[in-house]
């Protein structure tokens, strides 16, 4: 009986620990590039945004293919509301690296205030990053809208 209880407890904790993702420092460094890119969007900072992206970045958004210029136009240039605020939170699912390429999959939740109205948007996204001169940069981003409220 005692062995059964110990085995049950061990299986329980193994299941809990398996469900938690623990990322290496290198993986966290790669993830930080994604966080920084979205922070630049939140701050409406096109210079910083470009610093975290390759010059030939492609973004697959809402069934369209965007360039960095499209993103800047839609998210920064046309976004002139004085009360604009965007807060992002990430749930990283997977981060992999092979030499100079990395892949990151995550859930992104953004709370956006615009025109005195707050909207929460959730996406599932995958990003491909390239290592250029020892700096990770976003090369491709594919976004799937999950929920908008």
Protein backbone atom coordinates (compact mmCIF):
# COMPACT_ATOMS: atom_id res chain seq x y z
CA UNK A 1 0.00 0.00 0.00
CA UNK A 2 2.78 2.39 0.93
CA UNK A 3 4.56 1.72 -2.38
CA UNK A 4 1.33 2.55 -4.25
CA UNK A 5 1.01 5.89 -2.48
CA UNK A 6 4.65 6.80 -3.12
CA UNK A 7 4.33 5.75 -6.77
CA UNK A 8 1.13 7.80 -7.17
CA UNK A 9 2.81 10.87 -5.66
CA UNK A 10 5.88 10.41 -7.86
CA UNK A 11 3.73 10.16 -11.01
CA UNK A 12 1.75 13.24 -9.94
CA UNK A 13 4.88 15.38 -9.48
CA UNK A 14 6.44 14.05 -12.68
CA UNK A 15 3.32 15.10 -14.60
CA UNK A 16 3.36 18.57 -13.04
CA UNK A 17 7.06 19.12 -13.72
CA UNK A 18 6.76 17.82 -17.28
CA UNK A 19 4.06 20.41 -18.01
CA UNK A 20 6.35 23.28 -17.04
CA UNK A 21 8.73 24.49 -19.71
CA UNK A 22 12.19 25.35 -18.49
CA UNK A 23 14.24 27.14 -21.11
CA UNK A 24 18.02 27.44 -21.24
CA UNK A 25 19.75 30.83 -21.12
CA UNK A 26 20.34 30.58 -24.86
CA UNK A 27 16.65 29.89 -25.51
CA UNK A 28 15.68 32.79 -23.25
CA UNK A 29 18.05 35.07 -25.17
CA UNK A 30 16.28 34.09 -28.40
CA UNK A 31 12.87 34.66 -26.79
CA UNK A 32 14.02 38.09 -25.57
CA UNK A 33 14.38 39.20 -29.20
CA UNK A 34 10.69 38.45 -29.74
CA UNK A 35 9.72 40.28 -26.55
CA UNK A 36 11.87 43.27 -27.55
CA UNK A 37 10.31 43.41 -31.01
CA UNK A 38 6.82 43.62 -29.50
CA UNK A 39 8.03 46.15 -26.93
CA UNK A 40 9.14 48.34 -29.83
CA UNK A 41 5.65 48.00 -31.34
CA UNK A 42 4.12 48.94 -28.00
CA UNK A 43 6.36 52.00 -27.82
CA UNK A 44 5.68 52.86 -31.49
CA UNK A 45 9.45 52.89 -32.03
CA UNK A 46 10.21 52.02 -35.65
CA UNK A 47 14.00 52.33 -35.19
CA UNK A 48 14.03 49.77 -32.38
CA UNK A 49 11.57 47.59 -34.28
CA UNK A 50 13.90 47.47 -37.29
CA UNK A 51 16.83 46.65 -35.00
CA UNK A 52 15.09 43.43 -33.91
CA UNK A 53 14.15 42.34 -37.45
CA UNK A 54 16.03 41.32 -40.57
CA UNK A 55 15.73 43.80 -43.43
CA UNK A 56 13.76 41.24 -45.45
CA UNK A 57 11.34 40.20 -42.69
CA UNK A 58 8.02 38.71 -43.78
CA UNK A 59 4.97 38.71 -41.55
CA UNK A 60 1.98 36.50 -42.28
CA UNK A 61 -0.94 38.36 -40.71
CA UNK A 62 -4.68 37.94 -41.25
CA UNK A 63 -4.17 36.04 -44.50
CA UNK A 64 -1.84 38.72 -45.87
CA UNK A 65 1.92 38.96 -46.37
CA UNK A 66 3.44 42.05 -44.77
CA UNK A 67 6.89 43.61 -44.95
CA UNK A 68 8.52 45.74 -42.26
CA UNK A 69 7.10 48.81 -44.03
CA UNK A 70 3.57 47.37 -43.85
CA UNK A 71 3.97 46.67 -40.14
CA UNK A 72 5.34 50.16 -39.44
CA UNK A 73 2.55 51.76 -41.46
CA UNK A 74 -0.25 49.81 -39.75
CA UNK A 75 1.11 49.64 -36.20
CA UNK A 76 3.07 52.89 -35.87
CA UNK A 77 2.44 55.50 -38.60
CA UNK A 78 -1.36 55.18 -38.61
CA UNK A 79 -1.50 54.61 -34.87
CA UNK A 80 -1.56 58.18 -33.60
CA UNK A 81 -4.09 57.94 -30.75
CA UNK A 82 -2.84 59.93 -27.78
CA UNK A 83 -4.15 57.39 -25.26
CA UNK A 84 -2.61 54.37 -27.03
CA UNK A 85 -1.17 51.74 -24.73
CA UNK A 86 -0.25 48.13 -25.50
CA UNK A 87 0.84 45.57 -22.93
CA UNK A 88 2.06 42.16 -24.14
CA UNK A 89 2.36 38.89 -22.28
CA UNK A 90 3.92 35.74 -23.66
CA UNK A 91 3.54 32.05 -22.97
CA UNK A 92 6.48 30.42 -24.71
CA UNK A 93 5.67 26.92 -25.92
CA UNK A 94 8.79 25.86 -27.77
CA UNK A 95 12.17 27.33 -28.66
CA UNK A 96 14.68 25.51 -30.85
CA UNK A 97 17.99 26.52 -32.39
CA UNK A 98 20.18 25.08 -35.12
CA UNK A 99 23.38 27.01 -35.83
CA UNK A 100 22.21 30.44 -37.08
CA UNK A 101 18.46 29.77 -37.19
CA UNK A 102 15.95 29.58 -34.34
CA UNK A 103 12.23 28.81 -34.14
CA UNK A 104 9.98 30.08 -31.38
CA UNK A 105 6.30 29.24 -30.84
CA UNK A 106 4.30 31.13 -28.24
CA UNK A 107 0.91 32.44 -27.23
CA UNK A 108 0.74 36.23 -27.23
CA UNK A 109 -1.89 38.19 -25.33
CA UNK A 110 -1.98 41.94 -25.94
CA UNK A 111 -4.14 44.37 -24.04
CA UNK A 112 -4.53 47.45 -26.22
CA UNK A 113 -6.09 50.76 -25.19
CA UNK A 114 -7.04 53.02 -28.07
CA UNK A 115 -9.69 55.75 -28.27
CA UNK A 116 -10.46 55.12 -24.58
CA UNK A 117 -11.45 51.53 -25.46
CA UNK A 118 -9.60 48.47 -24.19
CA UNK A 119 -9.30 45.35 -26.35
CA UNK A 120 -7.64 42.04 -25.50
CA UNK A 121 -6.27 40.04 -28.41
CA UNK A 122 -4.79 36.55 -28.29
CA UNK A 123 -2.65 34.98 -30.98
CA UNK A 124 -0.71 31.77 -31.52
CA UNK A 125 2.50 32.68 -33.31
CA UNK A 126 5.61 31.10 -34.72
CA UNK A 127 8.73 33.13 -35.40
CA UNK A 128 11.85 32.18 -37.32
CA UNK A 129 14.94 34.11 -36.29
CA UNK A 130 18.34 34.51 -37.96
CA UNK A 131 21.57 35.11 -36.10
CA UNK A 132 23.29 38.08 -37.73
CA UNK A 133 26.61 39.22 -36.25
CA UNK A 134 25.81 37.52 -32.92
CA UNK A 135 22.37 39.15 -32.67
CA UNK A 136 19.11 37.28 -33.11
CA UNK A 137 16.67 38.98 -35.48
CA UNK A 138 13.13 38.08 -36.50
CA UNK A 139 13.04 36.93 -40.14
CA UNK A 140 9.53 35.45 -40.42
CA UNK A 141 6.48 35.73 -38.20
CA UNK A 142 3.30 33.73 -38.72
CA UNK A 143 0.33 34.77 -36.62
CA UNK A 144 -3.01 33.05 -36.02
CA UNK A 145 -5.70 35.09 -34.32
CA UNK A 146 -7.24 33.10 -31.47
CA UNK A 147 -9.56 35.59 -29.78
CA UNK A 148 -10.45 39.29 -29.78
CA UNK A 149 -12.55 40.75 -26.98
